[in-house]
Amino acid sequence: MSIAIFATIHPSPEHYQAAAQALQLMVEHSRAEPGNLRYDLFVREGEPLAFELFELYVDEAAVEAHRSSAHYQAYRAATGAWLAAPTQVKLARPLNLAPFN
């Protein structure tokens, strides 16, 4: 059964552009992972500055593979000091998921 992740990232204003670039690279690498079904990046309008990620994986093993990947580990190491607040992560199981095109 697939698993979804909703993550909210709050960069410090002075690190907003660097965080955006790092997240764009994460999107590129994460979409290429086996077991990844979606990896979508949004920017929240208004204040505070925030990025929203929607991730969808085939199963928990794919989530663990993502979290163990070199690009994820590099992202975490590079961006930790750029955040204004801890990243909020919520996992969910799809109840009614639209078919993929």
PDB file of N, CA and C in Angstrom:
ATOM      1  N   MET A   1       0.839  -1.182   0.000  1.00  0.00           N
ATOM      2  CA  MET A   1       0.000   0.000   0.000  1.00  0.00           C
ATOM      3  C   MET A   1       0.880   1.239   0.000  1.00  0.00           C
ATOM      4  N   SER A   2       0.522   2.225  -0.817  1.00  0.00           N
ATOM      5  CA  SER A   2       1.337   3.426  -0.930  1.00  0.00           C
ATOM      6  C   SER A   2       1.269   4.258   0.352  1.00  0.00           C
ATOM      7  N   ILE A   3       2.253   5.148   0.469  1.00  0.00           N
ATOM      8  CA  ILE A   3       2.340   6.023   1.634  1.00  0.00           C
ATOM      9  C   ILE A   3       2.687   7.430   1.154  1.00  0.00           C
ATOM     10  N   ALA A   4       2.007   8.410   1.736  1.00  0.00           N
ATOM     11  CA  ALA A   4       2.224   9.811   1.382  1.00  0.00           C
ATOM     12  C   ALA A   4       2.942  10.528   2.509  1.00  0.00           C
ATOM     13  N   ILE A   5       3.709  11.528   2.129  1.00  0.00           N
ATOM     14  CA  ILE A   5       4.384  12.387   3.097  1.00  0.00           C
ATOM     15  C   ILE A   5       4.049  13.828   2.738  1.00  0.00           C
ATOM     16  N   PHE A   6       3.656  14.580   3.747  1.00  0.00           N
ATOM     17  CA  PHE A   6       3.424  16.011   3.623  1.00  0.00           C
ATOM     18  C   PHE A   6       4.459  16.685   4.506  1.00  0.00           C
ATOM     19  N   ALA A   7       5.298  17.517   3.938  1.00  0.00           N
ATOM     20  CA  ALA A   7       6.351  18.177   4.710  1.00  0.00           C
ATOM     21  C   ALA A   7       6.281  19.680   4.498  1.00  0.00           C
ATOM     22  N   THR A   8       6.450  20.422   5.588  1.00  0.00           N
ATOM     23  CA  THR A   8       6.487  21.878   5.546  1.00  0.00           C
ATOM     24  C   THR A   8       7.870  22.318   5.995  1.00  0.00           C
ATOM     25  N   ILE A   9       8.519  23.103   5.145  1.00  0.00           N
ATOM     26  CA  ILE A   9       9.880  23.573   5.402  1.00  0.00           C
ATOM     27  C   ILE A   9       9.844  25.090   5.538  1.00  0.00           C
ATOM     28  N   HIS A  10      10.351  25.605   6.660  1.00  0.00           N
ATOM     29  CA  HIS A  10      10.366  27.046   6.941  1.00  0.00           C
ATOM     30  C   HIS A  10      11.801  27.555   6.883  1.00  0.00           C
ATOM     31  N   PRO A  11      12.249  28.059   5.732  1.00  0.00           N
ATOM     32  CA  PRO A  11      13.609  28.598   5.678  1.00  0.00           C
ATOM     33  C   PRO A  11      13.681  29.976   6.332  1.00  0.00           C
ATOM     34  N   SER A  12      14.846  30.306   6.840  1.00  0.00           N
ATOM     35  CA  SER A  12      15.080  31.671   7.296  1.00  0.00           C
ATOM     36  C   SER A  12      15.053  32.572   6.063  1.00  0.00           C
ATOM     37  N   PRO A  13      14.556  33.796   6.196  1.00  0.00           N
ATOM     38  CA  PRO A  13      14.471  34.681   5.023  1.00  0.00           C
ATOM     39  C   PRO A  13      15.796  34.832   4.279  1.00  0.00           C
ATOM     40  N   GLU A  14      16.893  34.910   5.017  1.00  0.00           N
ATOM     41  CA  GLU A  14      18.198  35.087   4.358  1.00  0.00           C
ATOM     42  C   GLU A  14      18.670  33.832   3.625  1.00  0.00           C
ATOM     43  N   HIS A  15      18.042  32.696   3.891  1.00  0.00           N
ATOM     44  CA  HIS A  15      18.419  31.437   3.227  1.00  0.00           C
ATOM     45  C   HIS A  15      17.340  30.922   2.273  1.00  0.00           C
ATOM     46  N   TYR A  16      16.347  31.769   2.016  1.00  0.00           N
ATOM     47  CA  TYR A  16      15.217  31.345   1.184  1.00  0.00           C
ATOM     48  C   TYR A  16      15.669  30.851  -0.194  1.00  0.00           C
ATOM     49  N   GLN A  17      16.482  31.619  -0.887  1.00  0.00           N
ATOM     50  CA  GLN A  17      16.913  31.246  -2.245  1.00  0.00           C
ATOM     51  C   GLN A  17      17.773  29.987  -2.232  1.00  0.00           C
ATOM     52  N   ALA A  18      18.670  29.878  -1.286  1.00  0.00           N
ATOM     53  CA  ALA A  18      19.516  28.682  -1.195  1.00  0.00           C
ATOM     54  C   ALA A  18      18.667  27.453  -0.896  1.00  0.00           C
ATOM     55  N   ALA A  19      17.686  27.595  -0.012  1.00  0.00           N
ATOM     56  CA  ALA A  19      16.791  26.477   0.300  1.00  0.00           C
ATOM     57  C   ALA A  19      15.965  26.091  -0.921  1.00  0.00           C
ATOM     58  N   ALA A  20      15.493  27.082  -1.659  1.00  0.00           N
ATOM     59  CA  ALA A  20      14.717  26.805  -2.876  1.00  0.00           C
ATOM     60  C   ALA A  20      15.556  26.018  -3.881  1.00  0.00           C
ATOM     61  N   GLN A  21      16.804  26.401  -4.067  1.00  0.00           N
ATOM     62  CA  GLN A  21      17.687  25.688  -4.993  1.00  0.00           C
ATOM     63  C   GLN A  21      17.956  24.262  -4.510  1.00  0.00           C
ATOM     64  N   ALA A  22      18.191  24.097  -3.226  1.00  0.00           N
ATOM     65  CA  ALA A  22      18.441  22.760  -2.673  1.00  0.00           C
ATOM     66  C   ALA A  22      17.203  21.876  -2.834  1.00  0.00           C
ATOM     67  N   LEU A  23      16.032  22.444  -2.633  1.00  0.00           N
ATOM     68  CA  LEU A  23      14.793  21.672  -2.787  1.00  0.00           C
ATOM     69  C   LEU A  23      14.543  21.308  -4.245  1.00  0.00           C
ATOM     70  N   GLN A  24      14.860  22.197  -5.165  1.00  0.00           N
ATOM     71  CA  GLN A  24      14.702  21.876  -6.588  1.00  0.00           C
ATOM     72  C   GLN A  24      15.591  20.686  -6.967  1.00  0.00           C
ATOM     73  N   LEU A  25      16.793  20.640  -6.430  1.00  0.00           N
ATOM     74  CA  LEU A  25      17.687  19.512  -6.676  1.00  0.00           C
ATOM     75  C   LEU A  25      17.128  18.235  -6.052  1.00  0.00           C
ATOM     76  N   MET A  26      16.548  18.360  -4.852  1.00  0.00           N
ATOM     77  CA  MET A  26      15.919  17.205  -4.211  1.00  0.00           C
ATOM     78  C   MET A  26      14.778  16.662  -5.066  1.00  0.00           C
ATOM     79  N   VAL A  27      13.984  17.543  -5.647  1.00  0.00           N
ATOM     80  CA  VAL A  27      12.885  17.119  -6.512  1.00  0.00           C
ATOM     81  C   VAL A  27      13.433  16.290  -7.670  1.00  0.00           C
ATOM     82  N   GLU A  28      14.443  16.820  -8.329  1.00  0.00           N
ATOM     83  CA  GLU A  28      15.023  16.129  -9.490  1.00  0.00           C
ATOM     84  C   GLU A  28      15.518  14.730  -9.113  1.00  0.00           C
ATOM     85  N   HIS A  29      16.258  14.622  -8.044  1.00  0.00           N
ATOM     86  CA  HIS A  29      16.820  13.328  -7.642  1.00  0.00           C
ATOM     87  C   HIS A  29      15.754  12.378  -7.097  1.00  0.00           C
ATOM     88  N   SER A  30      14.838  12.920  -6.308  1.00  0.00           N
ATOM     89  CA  SER A  30      13.829  12.075  -5.667  1.00  0.00           C
ATOM     90  C   SER A  30      12.849  11.491  -6.672  1.00  0.00           C
ATOM     91  N   ARG A  31      12.499  12.247  -7.696  1.00  0.00           N
ATOM     92  CA  ARG A  31      11.587  11.725  -8.719  1.00  0.00           C
ATOM     93  C   ARG A  31      12.192  10.550  -9.476  1.00  0.00           C
ATOM     94  N   ALA A  32      13.510  10.464  -9.492  1.00  0.00           N
ATOM     95  CA  ALA A  32      14.189   9.375 -10.203  1.00  0.00           C
ATOM     96  C   ALA A  32      14.356   8.115  -9.344  1.00  0.00           C
ATOM     97  N   GLU A  33      13.988   8.188  -8.080  1.00  0.00           N
ATOM     98  CA  GLU A  33      14.152   7.036  -7.190  1.00  0.00           C
ATOM     99  C   GLU A  33      13.160   5.922  -7.531  1.00  0.00           C
ATOM    100  N   PRO A  34      13.623   4.666  -7.476  1.00  0.00           N
ATOM    101  CA  PRO A  34      12.657   3.566  -7.599  1.00  0.00           C
ATOM    102  C   PRO A  34      11.681   3.636  -6.419  1.00  0.00           C
ATOM    103  N   GLY A  35      10.433   3.440  -6.687  1.00  0.00           N
ATOM    104  CA  GLY A  35       9.448   3.474  -5.616  1.00  0.00           C
ATOM    105  C   GLY A  35       8.834   4.829  -5.366  1.00  0.00           C
ATOM    106  N   ASN A  36       9.340   5.870  -6.020  1.00  0.00           N
ATOM    107  CA  ASN A  36       8.754   7.201  -5.873  1.00  0.00           C
ATOM    108  C   ASN A  36       7.680   7.379  -6.935  1.00  0.00           C
ATOM    109  N   LEU A  37       6.476   7.744  -6.499  1.00  0.00           N
ATOM    110  CA  LEU A  37       5.364   7.976  -7.418  1.00  0.00           C
ATOM    111  C   LEU A  37       5.139   9.460  -7.694  1.00  0.00           C
ATOM    112  N   ARG A  38       5.401  10.312  -6.701  1.00  0.00           N
ATOM    113  CA  ARG A  38       5.258  11.763  -6.845  1.00  0.00           C
ATOM    114  C   ARG A  38       6.230  12.437  -5.887  1.00  0.00           C
ATOM    115  N   TYR A  39       6.701  13.595  -6.307  1.00  0.00           N
ATOM    116  CA  TYR A  39       7.519  14.430  -5.443  1.00  0.00           C
ATOM    117  C   TYR A  39       7.296  15.855  -5.922  1.00  0.00           C
ATOM    118  N   ASP A  40       6.370  16.542  -5.306  1.00  0.00           N
ATOM    119  CA  ASP A  40       5.928  17.848  -5.768  1.00  0.00           C
ATOM    120  C   ASP A  40       6.269  18.927  -4.748  1.00  0.00           C
ATOM    121  N   LEU A  41       6.793  20.039  -5.240  1.00  0.00           N
ATOM    122  CA  LEU A  41       7.220  21.158  -4.404  1.00  0.00           C
ATOM    123  C   LEU A  41       6.299  22.352  -4.640  1.00  0.00           C
ATOM    124  N   PHE A  42       5.851  22.942  -3.543  1.00  0.00           N
ATOM    125  CA  PHE A  42       4.995  24.123  -3.587  1.00  0.00           C
ATOM    126  C   PHE A  42       5.622  25.206  -2.722  1.00  0.00           C
ATOM    127  N   VAL A  43       5.311  26.446  -3.032  1.00  0.00           N
ATOM    128  CA  VAL A  43       5.704  27.551  -2.159  1.00  0.00           C
ATOM    129  C   VAL A  43       4.418  28.126  -1.582  1.00  0.00           C
ATOM    130  N   ARG A  44       4.399  28.292  -0.289  1.00  0.00           N
ATOM    131  CA  ARG A  44       3.216  28.823   0.394  1.00  0.00           C
ATOM    132  C   ARG A  44       3.175  30.328   0.210  1.00  0.00           C
ATOM    133  N   GLU A  45       2.017  30.837  -0.113  1.00  0.00           N
ATOM    134  CA  GLU A  45       1.844  32.276  -0.246  1.00  0.00           C
ATOM    135  C   GLU A  45       1.658  32.909   1.126  1.00  0.00           C
ATOM    136  N   GLY A  46       2.102  34.140   1.265  1.00  0.00           N
ATOM    137  CA  GLY A  46       1.945  34.855   2.520  1.00  0.00           C
ATOM    138  C   GLY A  46       3.065  34.560   3.487  1.00  0.00           C
ATOM    139  N   GLU A  47       2.823  34.863   4.726  1.00  0.00           N
ATOM    140  CA  GLU A  47       3.820  34.688   5.784  1.00  0.00           C
ATOM    141  C   GLU A  47       3.394  33.570   6.716  1.00  0.00           C
ATOM    142  N   PRO A  48       4.292  32.874   7.339  1.00  0.00           N
ATOM    143  CA  PRO A  48       5.733  32.949   7.139  1.00  0.00           C
ATOM    144  C   PRO A  48       6.150  32.233   5.862  1.00  0.00           C
ATOM    145  N   LEU A  49       7.352  32.501   5.426  1.00  0.00           N
ATOM    146  CA  LEU A  49       7.894  31.830   4.246  1.00  0.00           C
ATOM    147  C   LEU A  49       7.891  30.326   4.484  1.00  0.00           C
ATOM    148  N   ALA A  50       7.414  29.588   3.509  1.00  0.00           N
ATOM    149  CA  ALA A  50       7.409  28.130   3.672  1.00  0.00           C
ATOM    150  C   ALA A  50       7.320  27.444   2.327  1.00  0.00           C
ATOM    151  N   PHE A  51       7.911  26.277   2.272  1.00  0.00           N
ATOM    152  CA  PHE A  51       7.763  25.364   1.145  1.00  0.00           C
ATOM    153  C   PHE A  51       6.943  24.178   1.633  1.00  0.00           C
ATOM    154  N   GLU A  52       6.145  23.633   0.748  1.00  0.00           N
ATOM    155  CA  GLU A  52       5.362  22.435   1.037  1.00  0.00           C
ATOM    156  C   GLU A  52       5.788  21.353   0.063  1.00  0.00           C
ATOM    157  N   LEU A  53       6.040  20.166   0.573  1.00  0.00           N
ATOM    158  CA  LEU A  53       6.361  19.010  -0.258  1.00  0.00           C
ATOM    159  C   LEU A  53       5.242  17.990  -0.138  1.00  0.00           C
ATOM    160  N   PHE A  54       4.856  17.430  -1.266  1.00  0.00           N
ATOM    161  CA  PHE A  54       3.955  16.289  -1.286  1.00  0.00           C
ATOM    162  C   PHE A  54       4.723  15.155  -1.943  1.00  0.00           C
ATOM    163  N   GLU A  55       4.890  14.075  -1.207  1.00  0.00           N
ATOM    164  CA  GLU A  55       5.638  12.921  -1.691  1.00  0.00           C
ATOM    165  C   GLU A  55       4.725  11.702  -1.644  1.00  0.00           C
ATOM    166  N   LEU A  56       4.863  10.828  -2.619  1.00  0.00           N
ATOM    167  CA  LEU A  56       4.085   9.601  -2.630  1.00  0.00           C
ATOM    168  C   LEU A  56       5.008   8.457  -3.045  1.00  0.00           C
ATOM    169  N   TYR A  57       5.005   7.413  -2.243  1.00  0.00           N
ATOM    170  CA  TYR A  57       5.882   6.258  -2.455  1.00  0.00           C
ATOM    171  C   TYR A  57       5.054   4.984  -2.524  1.00  0.00           C
ATOM    172  N   VAL A  58       5.603   3.965  -3.167  1.00  0.00           N
ATOM    173  CA  VAL A  58       4.869   2.711  -3.306  1.00  0.00           C
ATOM    174  C   VAL A  58       4.688   2.006  -1.975  1.00  0.00           C
ATOM    175  N   ASP A  59       5.655   2.156  -1.059  1.00  0.00           N
ATOM    176  CA  ASP A  59       5.553   1.488   0.243  1.00  0.00           C
ATOM    177  C   ASP A  59       6.569   2.086   1.208  1.00  0.00           C
ATOM    178  N   GLU A  60       6.569   1.571   2.432  1.00  0.00           N
ATOM    179  CA  GLU A  60       7.473   2.089   3.458  1.00  0.00           C
ATOM    180  C   GLU A  60       8.938   1.836   3.121  1.00  0.00           C
ATOM    181  N   ALA A  61       9.231   0.750   2.431  1.00  0.00           N
ATOM    182  CA  ALA A  61      10.614   0.484   2.033  1.00  0.00           C
ATOM    183  C   ALA A  61      11.131   1.580   1.103  1.00  0.00           C
ATOM    184  N   ALA A  62      10.279   2.081   0.226  1.00  0.00           N
ATOM    185  CA  ALA A  62      10.673   3.165  -0.675  1.00  0.00           C
ATOM    186  C   ALA A  62      10.917   4.461   0.099  1.00  0.00           C
ATOM    187  N   VAL A  63      10.130   4.703   1.147  1.00  0.00           N
ATOM    188  CA  VAL A  63      10.348   5.875   2.003  1.00  0.00           C
ATOM    189  C   VAL A  63      11.703   5.752   2.689  1.00  0.00           C
ATOM    190  N   GLU A  64      11.994   4.586   3.231  1.00  0.00           N
ATOM    191  CA  GLU A  64      13.281   4.374   3.904  1.00  0.00           C
ATOM    192  C   GLU A  64      14.448   4.503   2.934  1.00  0.00           C
ATOM    193  N   ALA A  65      14.280   3.995   1.715  1.00  0.00           N
ATOM    194  CA  ALA A  65      15.332   4.131   0.703  1.00  0.00           C
ATOM    195  C   ALA A  65      15.565   5.605   0.387  1.00  0.00           C
ATOM    196  N   HIS A  66      14.502   6.372   0.313  1.00  0.00           N
ATOM    197  CA  HIS A  66      14.625   7.816   0.065  1.00  0.00           C
ATOM    198  C   HIS A  66      15.397   8.482   1.204  1.00  0.00           C
ATOM    199  N   ARG A  67      15.017   8.175   2.423  1.00  0.00           N
ATOM    200  CA  ARG A  67      15.669   8.805   3.579  1.00  0.00           C
ATOM    201  C   ARG A  67      17.134   8.386   3.726  1.00  0.00           C
ATOM    202  N   SER A  68      17.491   7.254   3.176  1.00  0.00           N
ATOM    203  CA  SER A  68      18.870   6.765   3.231  1.00  0.00           C
ATOM    204  C   SER A  68      19.704   7.215   2.037  1.00  0.00           C
ATOM    205  N   SER A  69      19.070   7.815   1.041  1.00  0.00           N
ATOM    206  CA  SER A  69      19.772   8.169  -0.197  1.00  0.00           C
ATOM    207  C   SER A  69      20.820   9.247   0.053  1.00  0.00           C
ATOM    208  N   ALA A  70      21.834   9.246  -0.789  1.00  0.00           N
ATOM    209  CA  ALA A  70      22.908  10.230  -0.672  1.00  0.00           C
ATOM    210  C   ALA A  70      22.381  11.650  -0.866  1.00  0.00           C
ATOM    211  N   HIS A  71      21.468  11.853  -1.810  1.00  0.00           N
ATOM    212  CA  HIS A  71      20.979  13.219  -2.055  1.00  0.00           C
ATOM    213  C   HIS A  71      20.133  13.732  -0.885  1.00  0.00           C
ATOM    214  N   TYR A  72      19.370  12.859  -0.232  1.00  0.00           N
ATOM    215  CA  TYR A  72      18.587  13.277   0.930  1.00  0.00           C
ATOM    216  C   TYR A  72      19.519  13.623   2.093  1.00  0.00           C
ATOM    217  N   GLN A  73      20.505  12.780   2.332  1.00  0.00           N
ATOM    218  CA  GLN A  73      21.453  13.036   3.414  1.00  0.00           C
ATOM    219  C   GLN A  73      22.229  14.327   3.169  1.00  0.00           C
ATOM    220  N   ALA A  74      22.618  14.580   1.917  1.00  0.00           N
ATOM    221  CA  ALA A  74      23.328  15.816   1.577  1.00  0.00           C
ATOM    222  C   ALA A  74      22.429  17.037   1.788  1.00  0.00           C
ATOM    223  N   TYR A  75      21.165  16.921   1.400  1.00  0.00           N
ATOM    224  CA  TYR A  75      20.208  18.016   1.598  1.00  0.00           C
ATOM    225  C   TYR A  75      20.080  18.337   3.091  1.00  0.00           C
ATOM    226  N   ARG A  76      19.899  17.302   3.907  1.00  0.00           N
ATOM    227  CA  ARG A  76      19.742  17.517   5.355  1.00  0.00           C
ATOM    228  C   ARG A  76      20.985  18.188   5.950  1.00  0.00           C
ATOM    229  N   ALA A  77      22.159  17.729   5.543  1.00  0.00           N
ATOM    230  CA  ALA A  77      23.398  18.298   6.074  1.00  0.00           C
ATOM    231  C   ALA A  77      23.569  19.758   5.650  1.00  0.00           C
ATOM    232  N   ALA A  78      23.211  20.068   4.415  1.00  0.00           N
ATOM    233  CA  ALA A  78      23.415  21.423   3.893  1.00  0.00           C
ATOM    234  C   ALA A  78      22.402  22.422   4.429  1.00  0.00           C
ATOM    235  N   THR A  79      21.181  21.999   4.659  1.00  0.00           N
ATOM    236  CA  THR A  79      20.115  22.957   4.949  1.00  0.00           C
ATOM    237  C   THR A  79      19.753  23.098   6.423  1.00  0.00           C
ATOM    238  N   GLY A  80      20.279  22.281   7.278  1.00  0.00           N
ATOM    239  CA  GLY A  80      19.891  22.320   8.691  1.00  0.00           C
ATOM    240  C   GLY A  80      19.993  23.696   9.316  1.00  0.00           C
ATOM    241  N   ALA A  81      21.045  24.423   9.017  1.00  0.00           N
ATOM    242  CA  ALA A  81      21.245  25.750   9.605  1.00  0.00           C
ATOM    243  C   ALA A  81      20.441  26.832   8.884  1.00  0.00           C
ATOM    244  N   TRP A  82      19.795  26.476   7.784  1.00  0.00           N
ATOM    245  CA  TRP A  82      19.035  27.462   7.010  1.00  0.00           C
ATOM    246  C   TRP A  82      17.585  27.588   7.457  1.00  0.00           C
ATOM    247  N   LEU A  83      17.155  26.759   8.392  1.00  0.00           N
ATOM    248  CA  LEU A  83      15.742  26.702   8.736  1.00  0.00           C
ATOM    249  C   LEU A  83      15.391  27.604   9.911  1.00  0.00           C
ATOM    250  N   ALA A  84      14.234  28.252   9.813  1.00  0.00           N
ATOM    251  CA  ALA A  84      13.744  29.102  10.889  1.00  0.00           C
ATOM    252  C   ALA A  84      12.981  28.295  11.926  1.00  0.00           C
ATOM    253  N   ALA A  85      12.537  27.082  11.537  1.00  0.00           N
ATOM    254  CA  ALA A  85      11.791  26.198  12.440  1.00  0.00           C
ATOM    255  C   ALA A  85      12.021  24.769  11.970  1.00  0.00           C
ATOM    256  N   PRO A  86      11.831  23.804  12.858  1.00  0.00           N
ATOM    257  CA  PRO A  86      11.987  22.410  12.431  1.00  0.00           C
ATOM    258  C   PRO A  86      10.995  22.057  11.314  1.00  0.00           C
ATOM    259  N   THR A  87      11.432  21.215  10.410  1.00  0.00           N
ATOM    260  CA  THR A  87      10.561  20.743   9.339  1.00  0.00           C
ATOM    261  C   THR A  87       9.442  19.902   9.944  1.00  0.00           C
ATOM    262  N   GLN A  88       8.225  20.166   9.507  1.00  0.00           N
ATOM    263  CA  GLN A  88       7.065  19.404   9.967  1.00  0.00           C
ATOM    264  C   GLN A  88       6.783  18.318   8.935  1.00  0.00           C
ATOM    265  N   VAL A  89       6.723  17.073   9.391  1.00  0.00           N
ATOM    266  CA  VAL A  89       6.507  15.933   8.494  1.00  0.00           C
ATOM    267  C   VAL A  89       5.317  15.133   8.998  1.00  0.00           C
ATOM    268  N   LYS A  90       4.386  14.845   8.079  1.00  0.00           N
ATOM    269  CA  LYS A  90       3.223  14.025   8.410  1.00  0.00           C
ATOM    270  C   LYS A  90       3.107  12.926   7.374  1.00  0.00           C
ATOM    271  N   LEU A  91       2.916  11.699   7.840  1.00  0.00           N
ATOM    272  CA  LEU A  91       2.711  10.556   6.962  1.00  0.00           C
ATOM    273  C   LEU A  91       1.231  10.217   6.914  1.00  0.00           C
ATOM    274  N   ALA A  92       0.777   9.755   5.755  1.00  0.00           N
ATOM    275  CA  ALA A  92      -0.631   9.393   5.592  1.00  0.00           C
ATOM    276  C   ALA A  92      -0.743   8.257   4.578  1.00  0.00           C
ATOM    277  N   ARG A  93      -1.802   7.495   4.716  1.00  0.00           N
ATOM    278  CA  ARG A  93      -2.129   6.436   3.759  1.00  0.00           C
ATOM    279  C   ARG A  93      -3.276   6.934   2.884  1.00  0.00           C
ATOM    280  N   PRO A  94      -3.160   6.775   1.566  1.00  0.00           N
ATOM    281  CA  PRO A  94      -4.246   7.222   0.688  1.00  0.00           C
ATOM    282  C   PRO A  94      -5.547   6.470   0.979  1.00  0.00           C
ATOM    283  N   LEU A  95      -6.631   7.209   1.003  1.00  0.00           N
ATOM    284  CA  LEU A  95      -7.952   6.645   1.182  1.00  0.00           C
ATOM    285  C   LEU A  95      -8.711   6.650  -0.142  1.00  0.00           C
ATOM    286  N   ASN A  96      -8.522   7.716  -0.929  1.00  0.00           N
ATOM    287  CA  ASN A  96      -9.170   7.826  -2.221  1.00  0.00           C
ATOM    288  C   ASN A  96      -8.239   8.611  -3.128  1.00  0.00           C
ATOM    289  N   LEU A  97      -7.379   7.913  -3.835  1.00  0.00           N
ATOM    290  CA  LEU A  97      -6.335   8.521  -4.658  1.00  0.00           C
ATOM    291  C   LEU A  97      -6.744   8.501  -6.121  1.00  0.00           C
ATOM    292  N   ALA A  98      -6.636   9.638  -6.784  1.00  0.00           N
ATOM    293  CA  ALA A  98      -6.945   9.714  -8.211  1.00  0.00           C
ATOM    294  C   ALA A  98      -5.965   8.848  -8.995  1.00  0.00           C
ATOM    295  N   PRO A  99      -6.395   8.262 -10.093  1.00  0.00           N
ATOM    296  CA  PRO A  99      -5.471   7.471 -10.908  1.00  0.00           C
ATOM    297  C   PRO A  99      -4.385   8.346 -11.513  1.00  0.00           C
ATOM    298  N   PHE A 100      -3.246   7.760 -11.751  1.00  0.00           N
ATOM    299  CA  PHE A 100      -2.137   8.484 -12.383  1.00  0.00           C
ATOM    300  C   PHE A 100      -2.345   8.488 -13.880  1.00  0.00           C
ATOM    301  N   ASN A 101      -1.960   9.594 -14.513  1.00  0.00           N
ATOM    302  CA  ASN A 101      -2.072   9.689 -15.982  1.00  0.00           C
ATOM    303  C   ASN A 101      -0.959   8.944 -16.650  1.00  0.00           C
TER     304      ASN A 101
END
